[in-house]
Amino acid sequence: MIIQYKESKMEEKRDHMIEDLVKKGIFKIDGRQLYQLNYYELMKEYIAEEEERKKVPN
């Protein structure tokens, strides 16, 4: 069994955000794949998506 360690907490958070956005059907932002975005761009989109989700009644 191969164990992969995350380089940092920031990278771990970044991976988590990408996974959550993909689960919501978001694969690209501004024509770029999620993994191509820097942490700031990814965080900005993630927060915007979370805010939008809170506004929509279930």
N, C-alpha and C. Protein backbone atom coordinates (compact mmCIF):
# COMPACT_ATOMS: atom_id res chain seq x y z
N MET A 1 0.85 -1.19 0.00
CA MET A 1 0.00 0.00 0.00
C MET A 1 0.89 1.24 0.00
N ILE A 2 0.62 2.15 -0.92
CA ILE A 2 1.39 3.39 -1.03
C ILE A 2 0.62 4.50 -0.34
N ILE A 3 1.29 5.19 0.55
CA ILE A 3 0.68 6.31 1.27
C ILE A 3 1.25 7.60 0.69
N GLN A 4 0.35 8.47 0.25
CA GLN A 4 0.79 9.75 -0.28
C GLN A 4 0.50 10.82 0.76
N TYR A 5 1.49 11.62 1.08
CA TYR A 5 1.32 12.70 2.02
C TYR A 5 1.13 14.01 1.27
N LYS A 6 0.23 14.81 1.78
CA LYS A 6 0.02 16.13 1.19
C LYS A 6 1.21 17.01 1.52
N GLU A 7 1.58 17.87 0.59
CA GLU A 7 2.73 18.74 0.81
C GLU A 7 2.48 19.75 1.92
N SER A 8 1.24 20.22 2.01
CA SER A 8 0.93 21.21 3.03
C SER A 8 -0.57 21.23 3.29
N LYS A 9 -0.95 21.91 4.35
CA LYS A 9 -2.37 22.06 4.65
C LYS A 9 -3.07 22.83 3.54
N MET A 10 -2.37 23.80 2.97
CA MET A 10 -2.97 24.60 1.89
C MET A 10 -3.28 23.70 0.69
N GLU A 11 -2.38 22.82 0.35
CA GLU A 11 -2.61 21.91 -0.77
C GLU A 11 -3.77 20.96 -0.45
N GLU A 12 -3.86 20.53 0.78
CA GLU A 12 -4.95 19.67 1.20
C GLU A 12 -6.29 20.39 1.07
N LYS A 13 -6.34 21.65 1.50
CA LYS A 13 -7.56 22.45 1.38
C LYS A 13 -7.91 22.68 -0.09
N ARG A 14 -6.90 22.94 -0.90
CA ARG A 14 -7.11 23.16 -2.33
C ARG A 14 -7.73 21.92 -2.98
N ASP A 15 -7.19 20.76 -2.66
CA ASP A 15 -7.73 19.51 -3.19
C ASP A 15 -9.17 19.30 -2.75
N HIS A 16 -9.47 19.64 -1.51
CA HIS A 16 -10.83 19.50 -0.99
C HIS A 16 -11.80 20.42 -1.74
N MET A 17 -11.37 21.65 -2.00
CA MET A 17 -12.22 22.60 -2.74
C MET A 17 -12.48 22.08 -4.15
N ILE A 18 -11.45 21.56 -4.80
CA ILE A 18 -11.61 21.02 -6.16
C ILE A 18 -12.60 19.86 -6.14
N GLU A 19 -12.47 18.96 -5.19
CA GLU A 19 -13.39 17.82 -5.09
C GLU A 19 -14.82 18.29 -4.91
N ASP A 20 -15.04 19.27 -4.03
CA ASP A 20 -16.39 19.78 -3.79
C ASP A 20 -16.98 20.45 -5.03
N LEU A 21 -16.17 21.25 -5.74
CA LEU A 21 -16.67 21.91 -6.95
C LEU A 21 -17.00 20.88 -8.02
N VAL A 22 -16.19 19.85 -8.17
CA VAL A 22 -16.46 18.80 -9.16
C VAL A 22 -17.76 18.08 -8.81
N LYS A 23 -18.00 17.81 -7.53
CA LYS A 23 -19.25 17.16 -7.10
C LYS A 23 -20.46 18.01 -7.46
N LYS A 24 -20.26 19.35 -7.50
CA LYS A 24 -21.35 20.26 -7.85
C LYS A 24 -21.46 20.48 -9.36
N GLY A 25 -20.61 19.78 -10.13
CA GLY A 25 -20.68 19.88 -11.58
C GLY A 25 -19.84 20.99 -12.17
N ILE A 26 -18.98 21.58 -11.39
CA ILE A 26 -18.11 22.66 -11.88
C ILE A 26 -16.75 22.05 -12.21
N PHE A 27 -16.38 22.11 -13.48
CA PHE A 27 -15.13 21.51 -13.92
C PHE A 27 -14.14 22.54 -14.45
N LYS A 28 -14.67 23.70 -14.88
CA LYS A 28 -13.82 24.76 -15.41
C LYS A 28 -14.31 26.10 -14.89
N ILE A 29 -13.38 27.03 -14.76
CA ILE A 29 -13.71 28.40 -14.39
C ILE A 29 -12.96 29.30 -15.37
N ASP A 30 -13.69 30.16 -16.04
CA ASP A 30 -13.11 31.05 -17.05
C ASP A 30 -12.31 30.27 -18.09
N GLY A 31 -12.83 29.10 -18.48
CA GLY A 31 -12.19 28.30 -19.53
C GLY A 31 -10.96 27.53 -19.08
N ARG A 32 -10.67 27.53 -17.79
CA ARG A 32 -9.49 26.83 -17.28
C ARG A 32 -9.91 25.70 -16.34
N GLN A 33 -9.20 24.59 -16.41
CA GLN A 33 -9.47 23.47 -15.51
C GLN A 33 -9.20 23.92 -14.07
N LEU A 34 -9.92 23.34 -13.12
CA LEU A 34 -9.77 23.74 -11.72
C LEU A 34 -8.35 23.62 -11.22
N TYR A 35 -7.67 22.54 -11.61
CA TYR A 35 -6.30 22.34 -11.11
C TYR A 35 -5.32 23.37 -11.67
N GLN A 36 -5.72 24.11 -12.71
CA GLN A 36 -4.85 25.14 -13.28
C GLN A 36 -4.94 26.46 -12.53
N LEU A 37 -5.95 26.61 -11.69
CA LEU A 37 -6.17 27.86 -10.98
C LEU A 37 -5.26 27.96 -9.77
N ASN A 38 -4.87 29.18 -9.43
CA ASN A 38 -4.11 29.34 -8.20
C ASN A 38 -5.06 29.29 -7.01
N TYR A 39 -4.50 29.24 -5.82
CA TYR A 39 -5.30 29.07 -4.61
C TYR A 39 -6.32 30.20 -4.45
N TYR A 40 -5.90 31.44 -4.71
CA TYR A 40 -6.80 32.58 -4.56
C TYR A 40 -8.01 32.47 -5.49
N GLU A 41 -7.78 32.16 -6.77
CA GLU A 41 -8.88 32.05 -7.74
C GLU A 41 -9.83 30.93 -7.35
N LEU A 42 -9.28 29.83 -6.90
CA LEU A 42 -10.09 28.69 -6.51
C LEU A 42 -10.92 29.01 -5.27
N MET A 43 -10.31 29.66 -4.29
CA MET A 43 -11.00 30.04 -3.07
C MET A 43 -12.13 31.02 -3.37
N LYS A 44 -11.88 31.97 -4.25
CA LYS A 44 -12.89 32.96 -4.64
C LYS A 44 -14.13 32.28 -5.23
N GLU A 45 -13.92 31.35 -6.13
CA GLU A 45 -15.03 30.62 -6.75
C GLU A 45 -15.74 29.72 -5.73
N TYR A 46 -14.97 29.07 -4.89
CA TYR A 46 -15.53 28.17 -3.88
C TYR A 46 -16.45 28.95 -2.94
N ILE A 47 -15.99 30.10 -2.47
CA ILE A 47 -16.80 30.93 -1.56
C ILE A 47 -18.04 31.43 -2.26
N ALA A 48 -17.91 31.87 -3.51
CA ALA A 48 -19.07 32.36 -4.27
C ALA A 48 -20.10 31.24 -4.44
N GLU A 49 -19.64 30.04 -4.70
CA GLU A 49 -20.54 28.89 -4.86
C GLU A 49 -21.24 28.56 -3.55
N GLU A 50 -20.52 28.62 -2.45
CA GLU A 50 -21.11 28.36 -1.13
C GLU A 50 -22.16 29.42 -0.79
N GLU A 51 -21.87 30.68 -1.09
CA GLU A 51 -22.82 31.76 -0.83
C GLU A 51 -24.09 31.58 -1.67
N GLU A 52 -23.91 31.20 -2.91
CA GLU A 52 -25.05 30.97 -3.80
C GLU A 52 -25.91 29.81 -3.29
N ARG A 53 -25.25 28.77 -2.81
CA ARG A 53 -25.96 27.60 -2.31
C ARG A 53 -26.79 27.97 -1.09
N LYS A 54 -26.29 28.85 -0.25
CA LYS A 54 -27.01 29.28 0.96
C LYS A 54 -28.25 30.10 0.62
N LYS A 55 -28.22 30.81 -0.52
CA LYS A 55 -29.34 31.66 -0.93
C LYS A 55 -30.50 30.86 -1.47
N VAL A 56 -30.20 29.71 -2.08
CA VAL A 56 -31.24 28.89 -2.72
C VAL A 56 -31.94 28.04 -1.67
N PRO A 57 -33.27 28.22 -1.51
CA PRO A 57 -33.98 27.41 -0.52
C PRO A 57 -34.06 25.94 -0.97
N ASN A 58 -33.99 25.04 -0.01
CA ASN A 58 -34.06 23.59 -0.33
C ASN A 58 -35.45 23.14 -0.53
